[in-house]
Amino acid sequence: MAGQKHILLNSFFVDPSSQRKGAGATVLKAVIERAEDDHVPVFLQGSPVGHDLYKRMGWEDVEFLDVDLADWVPGAKGRYKGWGIYRYWFMFRKLQLE
């Protein structure tokens, strides 16, 4: 997207005390409206926690990245200690222009 106007939500998080209360959806709706008003594409980097919400709101999976958290924890590689694969999704939402 170099050289092209766009919106990117990178590492969008909602405080756990506000999750499942509409806070994330409210922010996402405002971003979608802004993208549609400006006629620019909107992308986000989604976590496992928000992935279902993003899908319900019209984002599509483009690609994903699996990170083995055990690679980053000393002594955890090769032994399951509650660490594992954490998947990040790179997503795109088509504009709904009238």
C-alpha atoms as a PDB file:
ATOM      1  CA  MET A   1       0.000   0.000   0.000  1.00  0.00           C
ATOM      2  CA  ALA A   2       3.015   2.257  -0.215  1.00  0.00           C
ATOM      3  CA  GLY A   3       2.007   5.553  -1.756  1.00  0.00           C
ATOM      4  CA  GLN A   4      -1.733   4.871  -1.489  1.00  0.00           C
ATOM      5  CA  LYS A   5      -4.012   6.388   1.116  1.00  0.00           C
ATOM      6  CA  HIS A   6      -5.486   3.731   3.416  1.00  0.00           C
ATOM      7  CA  ILE A   7      -6.375   3.002   7.015  1.00  0.00           C
ATOM      8  CA  LEU A   8      -4.530   0.328   8.981  1.00  0.00           C
ATOM      9  CA  LEU A   9      -5.542  -0.846  12.434  1.00  0.00           C
ATOM     10  CA  ASN A  10      -2.397  -2.420  13.743  1.00  0.00           C
ATOM     11  CA  SER A  11      -2.682  -4.286  17.045  1.00  0.00           C
ATOM     12  CA  PHE A  12      -6.192  -3.122  17.923  1.00  0.00           C
ATOM     13  CA  PHE A  13      -6.994  -4.107  21.517  1.00  0.00           C
ATOM     14  CA  VAL A  14      -9.901  -3.509  23.892  1.00  0.00           C
ATOM     15  CA  ASP A  15      -9.339  -3.584  27.647  1.00  0.00           C
ATOM     16  CA  PRO A  16     -10.645  -6.912  28.999  1.00  0.00           C
ATOM     17  CA  SER A  17     -13.087  -5.087  31.309  1.00  0.00           C
ATOM     18  CA  SER A  18     -14.749  -3.549  28.224  1.00  0.00           C
ATOM     19  CA  GLN A  19     -14.790  -6.642  26.018  1.00  0.00           C
ATOM     20  CA  ARG A  20     -18.158  -8.042  24.926  1.00  0.00           C
ATOM     21  CA  LYS A  21     -19.857  -4.757  25.819  1.00  0.00           C
ATOM     22  CA  GLY A  22     -19.756  -3.099  22.399  1.00  0.00           C
ATOM     23  CA  ALA A  23     -16.622  -0.979  22.854  1.00  0.00           C
ATOM     24  CA  GLY A  24     -14.667  -2.684  20.072  1.00  0.00           C
ATOM     25  CA  ALA A  25     -17.615  -2.702  17.684  1.00  0.00           C
ATOM     26  CA  THR A  26     -18.193   1.024  18.315  1.00  0.00           C
ATOM     27  CA  VAL A  27     -14.598   1.871  17.435  1.00  0.00           C
ATOM     28  CA  LEU A  28     -14.639  -0.409  14.385  1.00  0.00           C
ATOM     29  CA  LYS A  29     -17.890   1.148  13.105  1.00  0.00           C
ATOM     30  CA  ALA A  30     -16.314   4.616  13.345  1.00  0.00           C
ATOM     31  CA  VAL A  31     -13.246   3.427  11.421  1.00  0.00           C
ATOM     32  CA  ILE A  32     -15.444   1.841   8.729  1.00  0.00           C
ATOM     33  CA  GLU A  33     -17.461   5.056   8.374  1.00  0.00           C
ATOM     34  CA  ARG A  34     -14.268   7.091   8.034  1.00  0.00           C
ATOM     35  CA  ALA A  35     -12.886   4.728   5.389  1.00  0.00           C
ATOM     36  CA  GLU A  36     -16.123   4.881   3.420  1.00  0.00           C
ATOM     37  CA  ASP A  37     -16.336   8.686   3.713  1.00  0.00           C
ATOM     38  CA  ASP A  38     -12.738   8.990   2.469  1.00  0.00           C
ATOM     39  CA  HIS A  39     -13.114   6.176  -0.117  1.00  0.00           C
ATOM     40  CA  VAL A  40     -10.018   4.403   1.155  1.00  0.00           C
ATOM     41  CA  PRO A  41      -9.416   0.724   1.882  1.00  0.00           C
ATOM     42  CA  VAL A  42      -9.175  -0.389   5.490  1.00  0.00           C
ATOM     43  CA  PHE A  43      -6.989  -3.176   6.835  1.00  0.00           C
ATOM     44  CA  LEU A  44      -6.414  -4.605  10.276  1.00  0.00           C
ATOM     45  CA  GLN A  45      -4.132  -6.976  12.072  1.00  0.00           C
ATOM     46  CA  GLY A  46      -6.443  -9.183  14.119  1.00  0.00           C
ATOM     47  CA  SER A  47      -5.824 -11.297  17.179  1.00  0.00           C
ATOM     48  CA  PRO A  48      -7.554 -14.549  18.114  1.00  0.00           C
ATOM     49  CA  VAL A  49      -9.624 -12.654  20.692  1.00  0.00           C
ATOM     50  CA  GLY A  50     -11.219 -10.295  18.154  1.00  0.00           C
ATOM     51  CA  HIS A  51     -11.214 -12.454  15.026  1.00  0.00           C
ATOM     52  CA  ASP A  52     -14.891 -13.494  15.283  1.00  0.00           C
ATOM     53  CA  LEU A  53     -15.985  -9.869  15.760  1.00  0.00           C
ATOM     54  CA  TYR A  54     -13.994  -8.735  12.739  1.00  0.00           C
ATOM     55  CA  LYS A  55     -15.535 -11.481  10.598  1.00  0.00           C
ATOM     56  CA  ARG A  56     -19.057 -10.541  11.737  1.00  0.00           C
ATOM     57  CA  MET A  57     -18.351  -6.915  10.818  1.00  0.00           C
ATOM     58  CA  GLY A  58     -17.332  -7.770   7.262  1.00  0.00           C
ATOM     59  CA  TRP A  59     -13.572  -8.153   7.373  1.00  0.00           C
ATOM     60  CA  GLU A  60     -12.113 -10.939   5.286  1.00  0.00           C
ATOM     61  CA  ASP A  61      -9.006 -12.967   6.042  1.00  0.00           C
ATOM     62  CA  VAL A  62      -6.170 -12.169   3.650  1.00  0.00           C
ATOM     63  CA  GLU A  63      -3.288 -13.976   5.314  1.00  0.00           C
ATOM     64  CA  PHE A  64      -2.257 -15.179   8.728  1.00  0.00           C
ATOM     65  CA  LEU A  65       0.946 -15.491  10.680  1.00  0.00           C
ATOM     66  CA  ASP A  66       1.480 -18.215  13.266  1.00  0.00           C
ATOM     67  CA  VAL A  67       3.968 -17.373  15.986  1.00  0.00           C
ATOM     68  CA  ASP A  68       5.228 -20.195  18.184  1.00  0.00           C
ATOM     69  CA  LEU A  69       5.454 -18.467  21.543  1.00  0.00           C
ATOM     70  CA  ALA A  70       7.704 -21.237  22.849  1.00  0.00           C
ATOM     71  CA  ASP A  71      10.404 -19.913  20.512  1.00  0.00           C
ATOM     72  CA  TRP A  72      10.583 -16.819  22.706  1.00  0.00           C
ATOM     73  CA  VAL A  73      10.444 -18.410  26.157  1.00  0.00           C
ATOM     74  CA  PRO A  74      13.758 -19.726  27.508  1.00  0.00           C
ATOM     75  CA  GLY A  75      13.582 -23.481  28.065  1.00  0.00           C
ATOM     76  CA  ALA A  76      10.085 -23.901  26.615  1.00  0.00           C
ATOM     77  CA  LYS A  77      10.996 -25.194  23.148  1.00  0.00           C
ATOM     78  CA  GLY A  78      10.167 -28.870  22.772  1.00  0.00           C
ATOM     79  CA  ARG A  79       8.207 -28.982  26.026  1.00  0.00           C
ATOM     80  CA  TYR A  80       4.630 -27.766  26.259  1.00  0.00           C
ATOM     81  CA  LYS A  81       4.349 -25.380  29.196  1.00  0.00           C
ATOM     82  CA  GLY A  82       1.163 -23.587  28.283  1.00  0.00           C
ATOM     83  CA  TRP A  83       2.832 -21.819  25.378  1.00  0.00           C
ATOM     84  CA  GLY A  84       1.871 -22.558  21.837  1.00  0.00           C
ATOM     85  CA  ILE A  85       0.870 -21.095  18.527  1.00  0.00           C
ATOM     86  CA  TYR A  86      -0.601 -17.589  18.502  1.00  0.00           C
ATOM     87  CA  ARG A  87      -2.229 -16.666  15.191  1.00  0.00           C
ATOM     88  CA  TYR A  88      -2.423 -13.117  13.865  1.00  0.00           C
ATOM     89  CA  TRP A  89      -4.773 -12.457  10.949  1.00  0.00           C
ATOM     90  CA  PHE A  90      -4.224  -9.785   8.342  1.00  0.00           C
ATOM     91  CA  MET A  91      -7.656  -8.697   7.199  1.00  0.00           C
ATOM     92  CA  PHE A  92      -9.315  -6.430   4.652  1.00  0.00           C
ATOM     93  CA  ARG A  93     -12.788  -4.908   4.589  1.00  0.00           C
ATOM     94  CA  LYS A  94     -14.388  -4.053   1.277  1.00  0.00           C
ATOM     95  CA  LEU A  95     -15.922  -0.597   1.126  1.00  0.00           C
ATOM     96  CA  GLN A  96     -19.703  -0.356   0.953  1.00  0.00           C
ATOM     97  CA  LEU A  97     -19.941   2.721  -1.250  1.00  0.00           C
ATOM     98  CA  GLU A  98     -23.294   4.008  -2.422  1.00  0.00           C
END
